[in-house]
Amino acid sequence: MAAVLTASALAAGYIGGMTLTVRVEQLNGKTAHVLTTHDGMTLYYSTKDTPRKSMCTGSCTHTWKPFALVGKGKPTAPSKVLPHLSTLKRARVIYQIEYNGHPLYTYSKDRKPGDTRGAGKGSFRVATMATPRAAGKRGAGNETGAASGAGASSGGGAQASGSAGGR
């Protein structure tokens, strides 16, 4: 099991988490199964990231906080989500959780569960169960594999879309 994030990791902008859940909501007029943290905060991915490579570093992580865990633990999620999860090593003991090869983030301006203020901001999109596999080759990394299921069960969903652009 992964440890709780240390104070220094939290100060560096990482969001600790081991459990992903799924929330059903309307995005762009379609029903979507949105990936969230254990406390209901929306998760996002960037179209600029590739498997095993996050382009969000430095000051970017103050706005887009990597959804990560400490150590080589495995995140838990609904059974339909688990096969799509992996981790990306960001720092010595910090592993960012990926969905379909996309590193996941929370948005600093989302204030309460259900907020999606980051949707379409630059290259960031709301992560849903319909998020496509990231383009690019998978490099050496830590495939987490499946852990025991937890959270809400769900099926497919609509992909959130937004304007293209940089971070």
Protein backbone atom coordinates (compact mmCIF):
# COMPACT_ATOMS: atom_id res chain seq x y z
CA MET A 1 0.00 0.00 0.00
CA ALA A 2 1.27 3.48 -0.83
CA ALA A 3 2.08 5.94 1.89
CA VAL A 4 0.39 9.27 2.41
CA LEU A 5 2.09 12.13 0.59
CA THR A 6 4.69 13.91 2.67
CA ALA A 7 4.43 17.62 3.48
CA SER A 8 7.27 18.36 1.03
CA ALA A 9 5.50 16.46 -1.77
CA LEU A 10 2.27 18.34 -1.08
CA ALA A 11 4.15 21.64 -1.11
CA ALA A 12 5.62 20.67 -4.48
CA GLY A 13 2.09 20.53 -5.88
CA TYR A 14 1.22 16.82 -5.85
CA ILE A 15 -2.27 15.63 -4.95
CA GLY A 16 -2.20 12.38 -3.00
CA GLY A 17 -4.58 9.64 -3.91
CA MET A 18 -5.03 5.93 -4.12
CA THR A 19 -8.69 5.71 -5.03
CA LEU A 20 -10.33 6.83 -8.25
CA THR A 21 -14.10 6.97 -8.50
CA VAL A 22 -16.49 7.60 -11.38
CA ARG A 23 -19.20 10.27 -11.46
CA VAL A 24 -21.95 10.27 -14.10
CA GLU A 25 -22.75 13.76 -15.39
CA GLN A 26 -23.57 15.80 -18.48
CA LEU A 27 -20.56 17.14 -20.43
CA ASN A 28 -21.21 19.04 -23.64
CA GLY A 29 -24.79 17.76 -23.64
CA LYS A 30 -23.79 14.09 -23.38
CA THR A 31 -23.71 11.65 -20.49
CA ALA A 32 -20.14 11.02 -19.38
CA HIS A 33 -18.49 8.81 -16.78
CA VAL A 34 -15.99 11.26 -15.28
CA LEU A 35 -12.91 10.03 -13.39
CA THR A 36 -12.57 11.66 -9.97
CA THR A 37 -10.48 11.55 -6.82
CA HIS A 38 -11.83 9.70 -3.79
CA ASP A 39 -13.42 12.97 -2.62
CA GLY A 40 -15.13 13.72 -5.95
CA MET A 41 -12.70 16.22 -7.49
CA THR A 42 -12.56 16.01 -11.29
CA LEU A 43 -9.49 14.48 -12.90
CA TYR A 44 -8.01 15.83 -16.13
CA TYR A 45 -5.44 14.78 -18.73
CA SER A 46 -3.36 16.77 -21.21
CA THR A 47 -3.28 16.09 -24.93
CA LYS A 48 0.40 17.14 -24.87
CA ASP A 49 1.42 14.27 -22.57
CA THR A 50 2.51 10.91 -23.94
CA PRO A 51 2.77 7.57 -22.16
CA ARG A 52 5.50 7.81 -19.52
CA LYS A 53 6.05 11.54 -20.18
CA SER A 54 4.31 14.45 -18.51
CA MET A 55 4.87 17.80 -20.16
CA CYS A 56 3.48 19.54 -17.05
CA THR A 57 6.48 20.37 -14.88
CA GLY A 58 7.66 23.31 -12.80
CA SER A 59 5.10 26.12 -12.47
CA CYS A 60 2.53 24.12 -14.47
CA THR A 61 2.13 21.81 -11.45
CA HIS A 62 0.89 24.73 -9.36
CA THR A 63 -2.21 24.96 -11.57
CA TRP A 64 -2.44 21.33 -12.72
CA LYS A 65 -1.61 19.20 -9.69
CA PRO A 66 -0.40 15.69 -10.54
CA PHE A 67 -2.68 13.00 -9.08
CA ALA A 68 -0.05 10.82 -7.45
CA LEU A 69 0.85 8.39 -4.73
CA VAL A 70 4.00 7.81 -2.73
CA GLY A 71 5.71 4.47 -3.17
CA LYS A 72 4.87 1.61 -5.45
CA GLY A 73 1.35 1.02 -4.19
CA LYS A 74 -1.56 0.43 -6.53
CA PRO A 75 -4.54 2.75 -6.88
CA THR A 76 -8.00 1.32 -6.41
CA ALA A 77 -10.89 2.04 -8.75
CA PRO A 78 -14.06 0.49 -10.17
CA SER A 79 -13.29 -2.82 -11.91
CA LYS A 80 -13.91 -1.36 -15.40
CA VAL A 81 -11.28 1.35 -14.75
CA LEU A 82 -8.50 -0.77 -13.18
CA PRO A 83 -7.15 -2.39 -16.37
CA HIS A 84 -6.55 1.10 -17.79
CA LEU A 85 -4.44 2.39 -14.87
CA SER A 86 -0.67 2.62 -14.68
CA THR A 87 1.79 4.93 -12.94
CA LEU A 88 4.51 7.30 -14.09
CA LYS A 89 7.50 7.94 -11.84
CA ARG A 90 7.79 11.71 -11.31
CA ALA A 91 10.24 11.93 -8.43
CA ARG A 92 12.17 9.55 -6.20
CA VAL A 93 9.08 8.05 -4.59
CA ILE A 94 6.24 9.95 -6.32
CA TYR A 95 4.20 8.01 -8.90
CA GLN A 96 1.60 9.88 -10.96
CA ILE A 97 -1.47 7.81 -11.82
CA GLU A 98 -2.20 7.40 -15.54
CA TYR A 99 -5.45 6.42 -17.28
CA ASN A 100 -4.99 4.90 -20.75
CA GLY A 101 -1.43 6.21 -20.68
CA HIS A 102 -2.44 9.79 -19.83
CA PRO A 103 -1.01 11.21 -16.58
CA LEU A 104 -3.90 12.52 -14.44
CA TYR A 105 -4.19 15.94 -12.78
CA THR A 106 -6.57 18.00 -10.68
CA TYR A 107 -7.19 21.67 -11.47
CA SER A 108 -6.35 24.19 -8.76
CA LYS A 109 -9.41 26.38 -9.53
CA ASP A 110 -11.90 23.54 -9.03
CA ARG A 111 -13.25 24.32 -5.56
CA LYS A 112 -15.77 21.57 -4.87
CA PRO A 113 -16.65 18.07 -6.07
CA GLY A 114 -18.25 18.23 -9.51
CA ASP A 115 -16.44 21.39 -10.65
CA THR A 116 -15.02 21.11 -14.19
CA ARG A 117 -13.51 24.59 -14.52
CA GLY A 118 -10.39 23.14 -16.15
CA ALA A 119 -12.26 21.56 -19.08
CA GLY A 120 -10.76 22.80 -22.34
CA LYS A 121 -8.15 25.02 -20.66
CA GLY A 122 -5.20 24.81 -23.03
CA SER A 123 -4.41 21.16 -23.72
CA PHE A 124 -6.37 19.84 -20.71
CA ARG A 125 -9.53 17.74 -20.98
CA VAL A 126 -11.81 16.09 -18.44
CA ALA A 127 -10.75 12.46 -18.00
CA THR A 128 -13.65 10.10 -18.66
CA MET A 129 -13.92 6.37 -19.17
CA ALA A 130 -14.05 7.20 -22.91
CA THR A 131 -10.65 8.93 -22.84
CA PRO A 132 -8.66 7.39 -25.72
CA ARG A 133 -5.30 5.68 -25.24
CA ALA A 134 -2.42 8.17 -25.31
CA ALA A 135 -0.45 8.28 -28.54
CA GLY A 136 3.20 7.26 -28.43
CA LYS A 137 5.29 4.37 -27.25
CA ARG A 138 5.17 3.13 -23.68
CA GLY A 139 8.58 3.56 -22.12
CA ALA A 140 10.00 1.79 -19.12
CA GLY A 141 7.82 2.51 -16.15
CA ASN A 142 5.73 1.02 -13.41
CA GLU A 143 2.61 -0.72 -14.72
CA THR A 144 0.40 -0.94 -11.70
CA GLY A 145 -1.91 -3.61 -12.99
CA ALA A 146 -5.24 -4.20 -11.30
CA ALA A 147 -5.92 -3.72 -7.63
CA SER A 148 -9.07 -4.65 -5.82
CA GLY A 149 -12.10 -2.74 -7.11
CA ALA A 150 -13.55 0.14 -5.14
CA GLY A 151 -15.77 3.11 -5.82
CA ALA A 152 -18.73 3.41 -8.12
CA SER A 153 -19.34 1.04 -10.98
CA SER A 154 -19.96 2.44 -14.42
CA GLY A 155 -19.78 1.90 -18.15
CA GLY A 156 -18.65 4.01 -21.12
CA GLY A 157 -19.24 7.69 -21.55
CA ALA A 158 -18.81 10.76 -23.69
CA GLN A 159 -15.47 12.49 -24.08
CA ALA A 160 -15.32 16.09 -22.98
CA SER A 161 -14.01 18.41 -25.61
CA GLY A 162 -12.64 21.89 -25.48
CA SER A 163 -10.49 24.36 -27.31
CA ALA A 164 -7.01 23.34 -28.32
CA GLY A 165 -4.03 25.26 -27.14
CA GLY A 166 -0.99 25.21 -24.95
CA ARG A 167 -0.56 25.21 -21.23
